[in-house]
Amino acid sequence: MQIKINDSLRSYIDPLTESEYAALERSILVEGCRDALVLWEDVLVDGHNRYQICQQHGIPFKVIENASFQNLDDVKLWMIDNHLGQRSVSDFQRGVLALRKKEIVSERNAELAARIAAEDAAIAPPHADAPPKPAAMPLSSREDIARAARLSSNTISQIEKIQKTAARELVEAVRSGTISINAAATVASLPEAEQVAAVAGGKKQLQQAAKEVRELRAASRTPREPKEGAEPSTEVEQLRAEIAALKERNATLKAENAALHERISQLIDAS
């Protein structure tokens, strides 16, 4: 059988790091390819790295075909569930996979609802012996996604924010473990140029950027009204408020400075 490679399936799951790939290669060279490759007809679904290593070194391997797949979405859902069950998958990747699963399930639910509506419209009046309508698939809420990924709802929310607003460099940083999901979601609220600069500065710079954003948010919150009879603000509290205002002004100036540098670069490139 000539095994075919589907590029969209090969890249659907994050690739192994260099060290992970090297460890897998050493294992296969010593023990052989113990796990069978999974196929959808003649398309490789699971085992792209093992297949590549076996081909490179002439190592025999086994294949099994999953006959339950009806389409590409079935294949992707199987790949997601397969990786969600692995301990080595990071929290960030589990969240990303669960969100991908939610997209597929949501599309299927929408198609199912449209089909049921069309069938209902075609039946007048409804027949008493009509078969029951198929139930919609779960995974519609953030709580469902969190359970599928074995994460908290708050972490799923943070991963969604990273996917929507984080610069590519920041996504790579959280994927590699340089910065936590929590801190990355905080830094993702900065302008893209500041995100990239923070990533370039390394782990400490990323942590500092996250700290500054949190402090700015804390300073911008509306202070609570003092309780009746409470003592007025002390001089220390007033100084803290002034410091917070200065930090806010500093953050604004940084953003303006980054925007100006970006504009200058665009003008230079255009000249």
Protein backbone atom coordinates (compact mmCIF):
# COMPACT_ATOMS: atom_id res chain seq x y z
CA MET A 1 0.00 0.00 0.00
CA GLN A 2 1.22 3.48 -0.90
CA ILE A 3 0.64 5.65 2.17
CA LYS A 4 -0.51 9.18 1.37
CA ILE A 5 0.28 12.26 3.46
CA ASN A 6 -2.40 14.92 3.92
CA ASP A 7 -0.60 18.17 4.79
CA SER A 8 -3.57 19.56 6.72
CA LEU A 9 -3.63 16.47 8.94
CA ARG A 10 0.14 16.40 9.37
CA SER A 11 0.14 20.00 10.63
CA TYR A 12 -3.13 19.77 12.59
CA ILE A 13 -1.29 18.82 15.78
CA ASP A 14 1.75 20.83 16.90
CA PRO A 15 4.98 19.16 15.74
CA LEU A 16 7.41 17.55 18.18
CA THR A 17 10.28 19.66 19.45
CA GLU A 18 13.78 18.73 18.27
CA SER A 19 14.52 16.97 21.56
CA GLU A 20 11.21 15.06 21.49
CA TYR A 21 11.81 13.95 17.90
CA ALA A 22 15.37 12.85 18.76
CA ALA A 23 14.09 10.83 21.73
CA LEU A 24 11.47 9.12 19.55
CA GLU A 25 14.09 8.33 16.92
CA ARG A 26 16.40 6.75 19.52
CA SER A 27 13.53 4.67 20.87
CA ILE A 28 12.56 3.36 17.42
CA LEU A 29 16.16 2.57 16.51
CA VAL A 30 16.52 0.48 19.68
CA GLU A 31 13.04 -1.07 20.06
CA GLY A 32 11.56 -0.79 16.58
CA CYS A 33 8.21 0.82 15.75
CA ARG A 34 6.00 -0.71 18.44
CA ASP A 35 2.78 1.24 17.72
CA ALA A 36 0.94 0.74 14.45
CA LEU A 37 0.31 3.70 12.17
CA VAL A 38 -3.37 4.64 11.82
CA LEU A 39 -4.81 5.14 8.33
CA TRP A 40 -8.00 6.55 6.85
CA GLU A 41 -8.17 4.40 3.75
CA ASP A 42 -4.64 5.12 2.42
CA VAL A 43 -4.18 8.48 4.18
CA LEU A 44 -1.92 8.61 7.24
CA VAL A 45 -3.79 9.89 10.31
CA ASP A 46 -1.57 9.09 13.28
CA GLY A 47 2.17 8.38 13.28
CA HIS A 48 3.67 10.94 10.92
CA ASN A 49 6.91 11.16 12.92
CA ARG A 50 7.19 7.38 13.30
CA TYR A 51 6.55 6.95 9.57
CA GLN A 52 9.26 9.47 8.68
CA ILE A 53 11.81 7.83 11.00
CA CYS A 54 11.00 4.33 9.74
CA GLN A 55 11.29 5.44 6.14
CA GLN A 56 14.62 7.14 6.82
CA HIS A 57 16.18 4.11 8.53
CA GLY A 58 14.41 1.29 6.69
CA ILE A 59 12.59 0.08 9.81
CA PRO A 60 9.46 -2.06 9.30
CA PHE A 61 6.15 -0.88 10.74
CA LYS A 62 2.54 -2.02 11.01
CA VAL A 63 -0.59 -0.16 9.90
CA ILE A 64 -4.24 -0.34 10.91
CA GLU A 65 -7.17 1.27 9.14
CA ASN A 66 -9.91 2.99 11.11
CA ALA A 67 -13.08 2.17 9.22
CA SER A 68 -15.28 4.47 11.35
CA PHE A 69 -14.15 7.69 9.66
CA GLN A 70 -16.76 9.14 7.32
CA ASN A 71 -15.08 12.43 6.49
CA LEU A 72 -12.16 14.71 7.35
CA ASP A 73 -13.92 16.14 10.41
CA ASP A 74 -14.27 12.62 11.85
CA VAL A 75 -10.53 12.19 11.40
CA LYS A 76 -9.75 15.50 13.11
CA LEU A 77 -12.06 14.74 16.05
CA TRP A 78 -10.32 11.39 16.52
CA MET A 79 -6.91 13.08 16.39
CA ILE A 80 -8.03 15.64 18.99
CA ASP A 81 -9.43 13.03 21.39
CA ASN A 82 -6.32 10.88 20.93
CA HIS A 83 -4.00 13.73 21.90
CA LEU A 84 -6.21 15.01 24.71
CA GLY A 85 -5.74 11.63 26.35
CA GLN A 86 -1.94 11.88 26.35
CA ARG A 87 -0.17 13.06 29.49
CA SER A 88 2.68 14.73 27.60
CA VAL A 89 0.39 17.32 25.98
CA SER A 90 0.76 20.75 27.61
CA ASP A 91 -2.15 22.67 29.14
CA PHE A 92 -1.98 25.24 26.36
CA GLN A 93 -2.10 22.61 23.62
CA ARG A 94 -4.97 20.77 25.35
CA GLY A 95 -6.93 24.02 25.45
CA VAL A 96 -6.21 24.71 21.77
CA LEU A 97 -7.31 21.18 20.81
CA ALA A 98 -10.51 21.42 22.86
CA LEU A 99 -11.36 24.75 21.19
CA ARG A 100 -10.78 23.17 17.78
CA LYS A 101 -13.11 20.36 18.76
CA LYS A 102 -15.71 22.92 19.79
CA GLU A 103 -15.53 24.56 16.33
CA ILE A 104 -16.14 21.25 14.57
CA VAL A 105 -18.96 20.27 16.93
CA SER A 106 -20.60 23.71 16.63
CA GLU A 107 -20.62 23.46 12.83
CA ARG A 108 -22.12 19.98 13.02
CA ASN A 109 -24.78 21.14 15.48
CA ALA A 110 -25.68 24.02 13.15
CA GLU A 111 -25.96 21.64 10.19
CA LEU A 112 -28.04 19.23 12.28
CA ALA A 113 -30.40 22.01 13.39
CA ALA A 114 -30.85 23.17 9.78
CA ARG A 115 -31.58 19.63 8.61
CA ILE A 116 -34.11 19.04 11.40
CA ALA A 117 -35.84 22.35 10.59
CA ALA A 118 -36.03 21.39 6.91
CA GLU A 119 -37.44 17.94 7.76
CA ASP A 120 -40.01 19.46 10.14
CA ALA A 121 -41.11 21.91 7.47
CA ALA A 122 -41.57 19.08 4.98
CA ILE A 123 -43.73 17.05 7.36
CA ALA A 124 -47.28 18.42 7.81
CA PRO A 125 -48.70 17.31 10.15
CA PRO A 126 -45.95 15.44 12.05
CA HIS A 127 -46.36 11.67 11.81
CA ALA A 128 -46.89 9.92 15.11
CA ASP A 129 -44.46 7.12 14.22
CA ALA A 130 -41.68 9.41 12.99
CA PRO A 131 -38.24 8.38 14.24
CA PRO A 132 -36.77 10.51 17.04
CA LYS A 133 -34.59 13.39 15.97
CA PRO A 134 -30.86 12.89 16.59
CA ALA A 135 -29.56 14.76 19.60
CA ALA A 136 -27.08 17.59 19.17
CA MET A 137 -23.52 16.83 20.15
CA PRO A 138 -22.29 18.35 23.45
CA LEU A 139 -19.36 20.75 23.94
CA SER A 140 -21.40 23.91 23.45
CA SER A 141 -20.32 25.81 26.57
CA ARG A 142 -16.96 26.94 27.93
CA GLU A 143 -17.48 24.57 30.85
CA ASP A 144 -17.84 21.63 28.43
CA ILE A 145 -14.63 22.67 26.68
CA ALA A 146 -12.83 22.98 30.00
CA ARG A 147 -13.90 19.48 31.04
CA ALA A 148 -12.75 18.04 27.71
CA ALA A 149 -9.34 19.68 28.15
CA ARG A 150 -9.17 19.00 31.91
CA LEU A 151 -8.62 22.70 32.52
CA SER A 152 -10.52 25.47 34.30
CA SER A 153 -13.01 27.66 32.45
CA ASN A 154 -10.81 30.66 33.24
CA THR A 155 -7.80 29.00 31.57
CA ILE A 156 -9.87 28.25 28.47
CA SER A 157 -10.91 31.92 28.38
CA GLN A 158 -7.25 32.96 28.60
CA ILE A 159 -6.27 30.60 25.78
CA GLU A 160 -9.07 32.05 23.62
CA LYS A 161 -7.69 35.54 24.26
CA ILE A 162 -4.17 34.43 23.34
CA GLN A 163 -5.43 32.94 20.09
CA LYS A 164 -7.32 36.12 19.20
CA THR A 165 -4.93 38.90 20.24
CA ALA A 166 -1.44 37.52 20.86
CA ALA A 167 1.38 38.16 18.41
CA ARG A 168 2.84 35.07 16.75
CA GLU A 169 6.01 35.44 18.82
CA LEU A 170 4.00 35.49 22.06
CA VAL A 171 2.05 32.37 21.04
CA GLU A 172 5.35 30.55 20.43
CA ALA A 173 6.61 31.71 23.83
CA VAL A 174 3.62 30.25 25.70
CA ARG A 175 3.70 27.12 23.55
CA SER A 176 7.36 26.54 24.44
CA GLY A 177 6.72 27.19 28.13
CA THR A 178 8.72 30.44 28.30
CA ILE A 179 5.68 32.21 29.74
CA SER A 180 2.61 30.89 31.54
CA ILE A 181 -0.87 30.94 30.02
CA ASN A 182 -2.01 33.45 32.63
CA ALA A 183 0.87 35.85 31.99
CA ALA A 184 0.63 35.44 28.21
CA ALA A 185 -3.07 36.37 28.24
CA THR A 186 -2.12 39.49 30.22
CA VAL A 187 0.71 40.50 27.86
CA ALA A 188 -1.60 39.84 24.88
CA SER A 189 -3.54 42.98 25.82
CA LEU A 190 -0.53 45.12 24.84
CA PRO A 191 0.03 46.48 21.32
CA GLU A 192 1.66 43.91 19.04
CA ALA A 193 4.97 45.79 18.91
CA GLU A 194 5.24 45.73 22.70
CA GLN A 195 4.40 42.03 22.79
CA VAL A 196 7.18 41.27 20.30
CA ALA A 197 9.64 43.44 22.24
CA ALA A 198 8.77 41.66 25.49
CA VAL A 199 9.30 38.24 23.89
CA ALA A 200 12.65 39.38 22.48
CA GLY A 201 13.68 40.44 25.99
CA GLY A 202 13.30 36.90 27.30
CA LYS A 203 11.46 35.36 30.23
CA LYS A 204 12.20 38.13 32.74
CA GLN A 205 11.04 40.84 30.35
CA LEU A 206 7.80 38.93 29.69
CA GLN A 207 7.17 38.59 33.42
CA GLN A 208 7.86 42.30 33.92
CA ALA A 209 5.47 43.22 31.09
CA ALA A 210 2.72 41.10 32.63
CA LYS A 211 3.36 42.69 36.03
CA GLU A 212 3.12 46.21 34.60
CA VAL A 213 -0.16 45.44 32.85
CA ARG A 214 -1.65 44.03 36.06
CA GLU A 215 -0.51 47.06 38.05
CA LEU A 216 -2.00 49.37 35.44
CA ARG A 217 -5.31 47.54 35.61
CA ALA A 218 -5.32 47.70 39.39
CA ALA A 219 -4.62 51.44 39.30
CA SER A 220 -7.39 52.10 36.77
CA ARG A 221 -10.08 50.38 38.82
CA THR A 222 -12.60 52.72 40.40
CA PRO A 223 -11.67 52.99 44.08
CA ARG A 224 -14.29 51.93 46.57
CA GLU A 225 -16.15 54.61 48.43
CA PRO A 226 -14.75 54.92 51.96
CA LYS A 227 -17.01 53.65 54.69
CA GLU A 228 -18.85 56.22 56.76
CA GLY A 229 -16.66 57.41 59.60
CA ALA A 230 -13.46 56.03 58.02
CA GLU A 231 -10.25 58.01 58.28
CA PRO A 232 -9.26 59.98 55.14
CA SER A 233 -6.52 58.63 52.84
CA THR A 234 -3.08 58.75 54.36
CA GLU A 235 -0.10 60.37 52.70
CA VAL A 236 1.22 56.91 51.79
CA GLU A 237 -2.00 56.06 49.96
CA GLN A 238 -1.87 59.37 48.12
CA LEU A 239 1.70 58.65 47.02
CA ARG A 240 0.70 55.21 45.85
CA ALA A 241 -2.07 56.75 43.77
CA GLU A 242 0.41 59.19 42.23
CA ILE A 243 2.79 56.32 41.42
CA ALA A 244 -0.03 54.39 39.77
CA ALA A 245 -0.95 57.45 37.68
CA LEU A 246 2.68 57.86 36.61
CA LYS A 247 2.88 54.18 35.63
CA GLU A 248 -0.27 54.58 33.57
CA ARG A 249 1.22 57.61 31.83
CA ASN A 250 4.46 55.69 31.26
CA ALA A 251 2.56 52.80 29.66
CA THR A 252 0.72 55.22 27.39
CA LEU A 253 3.99 56.85 26.31
CA LYS A 254 5.51 53.44 25.62
CA ALA A 255 2.60 52.52 23.39
CA GLU A 256 2.87 55.85 21.54
CA ASN A 257 6.62 55.37 21.17
CA ALA A 258 6.16 51.87 19.74
CA ALA A 259 3.54 53.15 17.29
CA LEU A 260 5.89 55.94 16.14
CA HIS A 261 8.75 53.48 15.61
CA GLU A 262 6.48 51.24 13.59
CA ARG A 263 5.34 54.20 11.48
CA ILE A 264 8.95 55.25 10.86
CA SER A 265 9.81 51.72 9.76
CA GLN A 266 6.88 51.72 7.34
CA LEU A 267 8.00 55.06 5.89
CA ILE A 268 11.57 53.80 5.48
CA ASP A 269 10.38 50.63 3.76
CA ALA A 270 8.15 52.63 1.46
CA SER A 271 10.93 55.06 0.47
